C-alpha cells in the first residue's frame, strides 16, 4: 500500500495567506458518521487554522456518499461559496454496491466542480475495511479532511490568481 505508515496530512501553514474571506461549504455524508465526523472536524480545524473565518464555513448533511454531488450542486445554487469539500466514506462489502457508489460519487463530484467552475475537494474514503477508514480519519495516515481542506484552499487561490491575470 502506497500510504503504509505515512501521515499525508502535513502542510506548510505559511503557504496560505489572505484567505480569511474565503467561503467554504462542507457537504458531509451521514452514513458512516463515526468516520465522516472526524473528516469534517479535520477539514474545519484546518480551514480555521489557516485563517478562514469560522463564520465563512457552512456544513450541509446528506444521507450518503452517493448524494454528495447533488448536495454540492444544491449548495452552489443556493449560497455563494468559493469552494466545497465533499466528505464521505464507502467501505467495501460483499456486493458490487461499493463499486457503483464510488464511481457515481467520483464522477458526480468532478462534474459539479466543472459545471460551476469552482473547486469541489474529493474527501471520500473508499476503503476495504473500517480500520483503513479509521487510519485515514485522524489515525496513522493523518486525516483526509485536513488534506482536502488544503486542496480546496489551493484550488481557490489558483482560481483567484488566474482570473486576476
Protein backbone atom coordinates (compact mmCIF):
# COMPACT_ATOMS: atom_id res chain seq x y z
CA UNK A 1 0.00 0.00 0.00
CA UNK A 2 1.38 3.40 -1.02
CA UNK A 3 0.37 5.09 2.23
CA UNK A 4 1.55 2.41 4.63
CA UNK A 5 2.91 4.01 7.80
CA UNK A 6 2.79 7.50 6.29
CA UNK A 7 0.89 10.52 7.58
CA UNK A 8 -0.05 12.50 4.49
CA UNK A 9 -1.70 15.43 6.27
CA UNK A 10 1.35 17.68 6.74
CA UNK A 11 1.23 21.13 5.20
CA UNK A 12 3.00 24.48 5.49
CA UNK A 13 0.64 26.94 7.16
CA UNK A 14 2.60 29.95 5.92
CA UNK A 15 1.73 29.00 2.33
CA UNK A 16 -1.84 30.26 2.80
CA UNK A 17 -2.39 33.99 3.23
CA UNK A 18 -5.26 36.35 2.56
CA UNK A 19 -7.87 33.63 2.89
CA UNK A 20 -9.90 34.99 5.80
CA UNK A 21 -12.78 35.88 3.49
CA UNK A 22 -12.88 32.57 1.62
CA UNK A 23 -16.31 30.99 1.92
CA UNK A 24 -16.31 27.22 2.13
CA UNK A 25 -19.20 24.79 2.01
CA UNK A 26 -18.79 21.35 3.50
CA UNK A 27 -21.16 18.64 2.32
CA UNK A 28 -20.89 15.59 4.55
CA UNK A 29 -22.46 12.16 4.42
CA UNK A 30 -24.37 10.94 7.47
CA UNK A 31 -23.57 7.32 6.51
CA UNK A 32 -20.52 6.06 8.44
CA UNK A 33 -20.76 9.18 10.62
CA UNK A 34 -18.19 7.81 13.07
CA UNK A 35 -15.68 8.36 10.26
CA UNK A 36 -17.18 11.33 8.38
CA UNK A 37 -17.47 13.39 11.57
CA UNK A 38 -13.71 13.03 12.09
CA UNK A 39 -13.03 14.02 8.49
CA UNK A 40 -15.33 17.01 8.92
CA UNK A 41 -13.53 18.06 12.10
CA UNK A 42 -10.16 17.74 10.36
CA UNK A 43 -11.36 19.92 7.48
CA UNK A 44 -12.88 22.61 9.70
CA UNK A 45 -9.91 22.72 12.06
CA UNK A 46 -7.53 23.06 9.11
CA UNK A 47 -9.55 25.82 7.45
CA UNK A 48 -9.67 27.82 10.69
CA UNK A 49 -6.01 27.11 11.46
CA UNK A 50 -5.10 28.59 8.08
CA UNK A 51 -7.14 31.74 8.60
CA UNK A 52 -10.61 31.07 7.20
CA UNK A 53 -13.14 32.81 9.44
CA UNK A 54 -15.38 30.21 11.10
CA UNK A 55 -18.46 32.23 10.10
CA UNK A 56 -17.49 31.57 6.46
CA UNK A 57 -17.71 27.79 6.83
CA UNK A 58 -21.12 26.20 6.41
CA UNK A 59 -21.87 22.48 6.81
CA UNK A 60 -24.63 20.61 4.97
CA UNK A 61 -25.54 16.97 5.59
CA UNK A 62 -26.67 14.42 3.03
CA UNK A 63 -27.76 10.83 3.68
CA UNK A 64 -24.85 9.06 2.00
CA UNK A 65 -21.82 9.38 -0.26
CA UNK A 66 -23.89 8.87 -3.41
CA UNK A 67 -25.82 12.07 -2.56
CA UNK A 68 -22.69 14.24 -2.23
CA UNK A 69 -22.70 15.53 -5.84
CA UNK A 70 -26.31 16.68 -5.72
CA UNK A 71 -25.77 18.15 -2.25
CA UNK A 72 -22.77 20.12 -3.57
CA UNK A 73 -24.85 21.31 -6.52
CA UNK A 74 -27.62 22.48 -4.15
CA UNK A 75 -25.02 24.46 -2.16
CA UNK A 76 -23.58 26.17 -5.25
CA UNK A 77 -27.10 27.05 -6.39
CA UNK A 78 -28.26 28.43 -3.04
CA UNK A 79 -25.36 30.28 -1.41
CA UNK A 80 -22.16 32.00 -2.50
CA UNK A 81 -19.15 29.82 -1.70
CA UNK A 82 -15.65 29.78 -3.16
CA UNK A 83 -15.34 26.01 -2.88
CA UNK A 84 -16.81 22.87 -1.37
CA UNK A 85 -15.33 19.93 0.49
CA UNK A 86 -17.38 16.77 -0.18
CA UNK A 87 -16.94 14.28 2.68
CA UNK A 88 -17.98 10.64 2.63
CA UNK A 89 -16.85 7.10 3.35
CA UNK A 90 -17.62 3.94 1.42
CA UNK A 91 -16.42 0.68 2.94
CA UNK A 92 -16.30 -2.36 0.70
CA UNK A 93 -18.84 -5.04 1.44
CA UNK A 94 -19.77 -8.32 -0.16
CA UNK A 95 -21.60 -6.89 -3.18
CA UNK A 96 -20.86 -4.64 -6.18
CA UNK A 97 -22.74 -1.77 -4.46
CA UNK A 98 -19.35 -0.38 -3.35
CA UNK A 99 -18.21 -0.01 -6.97
CA UNK A 100 -21.36 1.78 -8.10
CA UNK A 101 -21.41 4.22 -5.18
CA UNK A 102 -17.71 5.02 -5.56
CA UNK A 103 -17.97 5.53 -9.31
CA UNK A 104 -21.13 7.64 -9.08
CA UNK A 105 -19.77 9.84 -6.32
CA UNK A 106 -16.41 10.31 -8.03
CA UNK A 107 -17.83 11.25 -11.39
CA UNK A 108 -20.60 13.35 -9.88
CA UNK A 109 -18.28 15.39 -7.66
CA UNK A 110 -15.98 16.06 -10.60
CA UNK A 111 -18.91 17.12 -12.80
CA UNK A 112 -20.25 19.57 -10.21
CA UNK A 113 -16.87 21.28 -9.94
CA UNK A 114 -16.61 21.58 -13.70
CA UNK A 115 -20.22 22.76 -14.07
CA UNK A 116 -19.81 25.59 -11.56
CA UNK A 117 -16.13 26.29 -12.31
CA UNK A 118 -15.31 26.07 -8.61
CA UNK A 119 -13.31 23.56 -6.62
CA UNK A 120 -15.04 20.59 -5.05
CA UNK A 121 -12.48 18.68 -2.99
CA UNK A 122 -12.94 14.93 -3.06
CA UNK A 123 -12.82 13.83 0.57
CA UNK A 124 -14.31 10.39 0.05
CA UNK A 125 -12.62 7.41 1.62
CA UNK A 126 -13.05 4.23 -0.42
CA UNK A 127 -11.61 1.57 1.84
CA UNK A 128 -11.66 -2.20 2.06
CA UNK A 129 -12.45 -2.20 5.79
CA UNK A 130 -13.28 0.05 8.70
CA UNK A 131 -9.69 0.05 10.01
CA UNK A 132 -8.42 1.62 6.80
CA UNK A 133 -11.02 4.38 7.21
CA UNK A 134 -10.03 4.94 10.85
CA UNK A 135 -6.39 5.19 9.79
CA UNK A 136 -7.29 7.95 7.29
CA UNK A 137 -9.67 9.88 9.56
CA UNK A 138 -7.15 11.03 12.15
CA UNK A 139 -5.24 7.77 12.53
CA UNK A 140 -1.78 6.72 11.42
CA UNK A 141 -2.25 8.09 7.89
CA UNK A 142 -3.40 11.51 9.07
CA UNK A 143 -6.76 13.00 8.28
CA UNK A 144 -8.04 13.13 4.71
CA UNK A 145 -10.27 16.02 5.84
CA UNK A 146 -7.13 18.04 6.50
CA UNK A 147 -5.68 17.17 3.10
CA UNK A 148 -8.89 18.07 1.28
CA UNK A 149 -9.21 21.39 3.11
CA UNK A 150 -5.71 22.28 1.94
CA UNK A 151 -6.55 21.12 -1.59
CA UNK A 152 -9.66 23.30 -1.60
CA UNK A 153 -7.68 26.34 -0.40
CA UNK A 154 -5.02 25.78 -3.06
CA UNK A 155 -7.58 25.50 -5.83
CA UNK A 156 -9.45 28.62 -4.71
CA UNK A 157 -6.15 30.52 -4.65
CA UNK A 158 -5.28 29.21 -8.12
CA UNK A 159 -8.63 30.32 -9.48
CA UNK A 160 -8.29 33.79 -7.95
CA UNK A 161 -4.72 34.08 -9.29
CA UNK A 162 -5.60 33.02 -12.83
CA UNK A 163 -8.77 35.12 -13.03
CA UNK A 164 -6.88 38.25 -11.97
CA UNK A 165 -4.46 37.92 -14.92
